[in-house]
Amino acid sequence: MAQLRVIMTTPKVAPHPVSAHPRVPKALREKMTATLLKLSKEKDGMELLNRVRIGEVVPADYARDYKNLEKFGAAR
């Protein structure tokens, strides 16, 4: 069996990002965000999210979650 060799390790990034096109009205984006956050705080909602392997839902923060990808040319 061939050996697998790690040639580079990227920093961890937030899993399951959810984004919206800029044409989506701000009010709708905010409503979707609120709905996902609410789901993650309810037992039934967490059961649904766990089915698709989504754990805790938190608002994205570019500096915290994705800025470190800039050096790889993978951000934005």
C-alpha atoms as a PDB file:
ATOM      1  CA  MET A   1       0.000   0.000   0.000  1.00  0.00           C
ATOM      2  CA  ALA A   2       1.324   3.465  -0.892  1.00  0.00           C
ATOM      3  CA  GLN A   3       2.250   5.799   1.928  1.00  0.00           C
ATOM      4  CA  LEU A   4       0.315   9.006   2.353  1.00  0.00           C
ATOM      5  CA  ARG A   5       2.446  12.032   3.158  1.00  0.00           C
ATOM      6  CA  VAL A   6       1.085  15.364   4.382  1.00  0.00           C
ATOM      7  CA  ILE A   7       2.582  18.164   2.303  1.00  0.00           C
ATOM      8  CA  MET A   8       0.627  21.052   3.817  1.00  0.00           C
ATOM      9  CA  THR A   9      -1.861  21.609   6.604  1.00  0.00           C
ATOM     10  CA  THR A  10      -4.302  24.475   6.365  1.00  0.00           C
ATOM     11  CA  PRO A  11      -5.713  26.235   9.404  1.00  0.00           C
ATOM     12  CA  LYS A  12      -9.097  25.094  10.636  1.00  0.00           C
ATOM     13  CA  VAL A  13     -12.082  26.983   9.282  1.00  0.00           C
ATOM     14  CA  ALA A  14     -15.666  27.240  10.435  1.00  0.00           C
ATOM     15  CA  PRO A  15     -17.724  24.349   9.037  1.00  0.00           C
ATOM     16  CA  HIS A  16     -20.961  24.718   7.079  1.00  0.00           C
ATOM     17  CA  PRO A  17     -20.882  28.405   6.196  1.00  0.00           C
ATOM     18  CA  VAL A  18     -24.196  29.759   4.971  1.00  0.00           C
ATOM     19  CA  SER A  19     -24.111  32.760   2.682  1.00  0.00           C
ATOM     20  CA  ALA A  20     -26.496  34.765   0.546  1.00  0.00           C
ATOM     21  CA  HIS A  21     -26.086  36.657  -2.695  1.00  0.00           C
ATOM     22  CA  PRO A  22     -25.923  40.445  -2.240  1.00  0.00           C
ATOM     23  CA  ARG A  23     -29.225  40.760  -4.136  1.00  0.00           C
ATOM     24  CA  VAL A  24     -31.038  38.943  -1.330  1.00  0.00           C
ATOM     25  CA  PRO A  25     -32.710  41.683   0.714  1.00  0.00           C
ATOM     26  CA  LYS A  26     -31.048  42.435   4.036  1.00  0.00           C
ATOM     27  CA  ALA A  27     -34.299  41.797   5.937  1.00  0.00           C
ATOM     28  CA  LEU A  28     -34.517  38.275   4.492  1.00  0.00           C
ATOM     29  CA  ARG A  29     -30.847  37.552   5.278  1.00  0.00           C
ATOM     30  CA  GLU A  30     -31.412  38.683   8.861  1.00  0.00           C
ATOM     31  CA  LYS A  31     -34.550  36.545   9.155  1.00  0.00           C
ATOM     32  CA  MET A  32     -32.685  33.467   7.881  1.00  0.00           C
ATOM     33  CA  THR A  33     -29.852  34.113  10.340  1.00  0.00           C
ATOM     34  CA  ALA A  34     -32.286  34.474  13.229  1.00  0.00           C
ATOM     35  CA  THR A  35     -34.098  31.285  12.205  1.00  0.00           C
ATOM     36  CA  LEU A  36     -30.903  29.212  12.072  1.00  0.00           C
ATOM     37  CA  LEU A  37     -29.728  30.602  15.407  1.00  0.00           C
ATOM     38  CA  LYS A  38     -33.117  29.824  16.954  1.00  0.00           C
ATOM     39  CA  LEU A  39     -33.082  26.271  15.556  1.00  0.00           C
ATOM     40  CA  SER A  40     -29.750  25.624  17.223  1.00  0.00           C
ATOM     41  CA  LYS A  41     -31.195  26.529  20.619  1.00  0.00           C
ATOM     42  CA  GLU A  42     -34.213  24.201  20.455  1.00  0.00           C
ATOM     43  CA  LYS A  43     -34.192  20.435  20.985  1.00  0.00           C
ATOM     44  CA  ASP A  44     -36.126  19.660  17.786  1.00  0.00           C
ATOM     45  CA  GLY A  45     -34.034  22.143  15.835  1.00  0.00           C
ATOM     46  CA  MET A  46     -30.777  20.592  17.014  1.00  0.00           C
ATOM     47  CA  GLU A  47     -32.050  17.160  16.019  1.00  0.00           C
ATOM     48  CA  LEU A  48     -32.635  18.472  12.486  1.00  0.00           C
ATOM     49  CA  LEU A  49     -29.244  20.172  12.346  1.00  0.00           C
ATOM     50  CA  ASN A  50     -27.479  17.093  13.697  1.00  0.00           C
ATOM     51  CA  ARG A  51     -28.950  15.022  10.860  1.00  0.00           C
ATOM     52  CA  VAL A  52     -26.843  17.070   8.450  1.00  0.00           C
ATOM     53  CA  ARG A  53     -23.904  17.165  10.870  1.00  0.00           C
ATOM     54  CA  ILE A  54     -24.252  20.788  11.839  1.00  0.00           C
ATOM     55  CA  GLY A  55     -23.381  21.441  15.448  1.00  0.00           C
ATOM     56  CA  GLU A  56     -23.513  24.791  17.151  1.00  0.00           C
ATOM     57  CA  VAL A  57     -24.728  27.623  14.924  1.00  0.00           C
ATOM     58  CA  VAL A  58     -22.990  30.964  15.425  1.00  0.00           C
ATOM     59  CA  PRO A  59     -22.927  34.151  13.350  1.00  0.00           C
ATOM     60  CA  ALA A  60     -19.897  34.231  11.070  1.00  0.00           C
ATOM     61  CA  ASP A  61     -17.040  36.558  11.837  1.00  0.00           C
ATOM     62  CA  TYR A  62     -14.698  37.064   8.888  1.00  0.00           C
ATOM     63  CA  ALA A  63     -11.654  37.908  11.004  1.00  0.00           C
ATOM     64  CA  ARG A  64     -12.164  34.912  13.290  1.00  0.00           C
ATOM     65  CA  ASP A  65     -13.417  32.350  10.779  1.00  0.00           C
ATOM     66  CA  TYR A  66     -11.919  33.079   7.366  1.00  0.00           C
ATOM     67  CA  LYS A  67      -9.199  35.764   7.400  1.00  0.00           C
ATOM     68  CA  ASN A  68      -6.476  33.153   7.857  1.00  0.00           C
ATOM     69  CA  LEU A  69      -7.417  31.726   4.434  1.00  0.00           C
ATOM     70  CA  GLU A  70      -6.292  34.897   2.631  1.00  0.00           C
ATOM     71  CA  LYS A  71      -2.704  33.667   2.484  1.00  0.00           C
ATOM     72  CA  PHE A  72      -3.916  30.660   0.474  1.00  0.00           C
ATOM     73  CA  GLY A  73      -5.959  32.764  -1.945  1.00  0.00           C
ATOM     74  CA  ALA A  74      -9.119  30.968  -0.800  1.00  0.00           C
ATOM     75  CA  ALA A  75     -10.952  33.788   0.963  1.00  0.00           C
ATOM     76  CA  ARG A  76     -13.906  35.684  -0.485  1.00  0.00           C
END
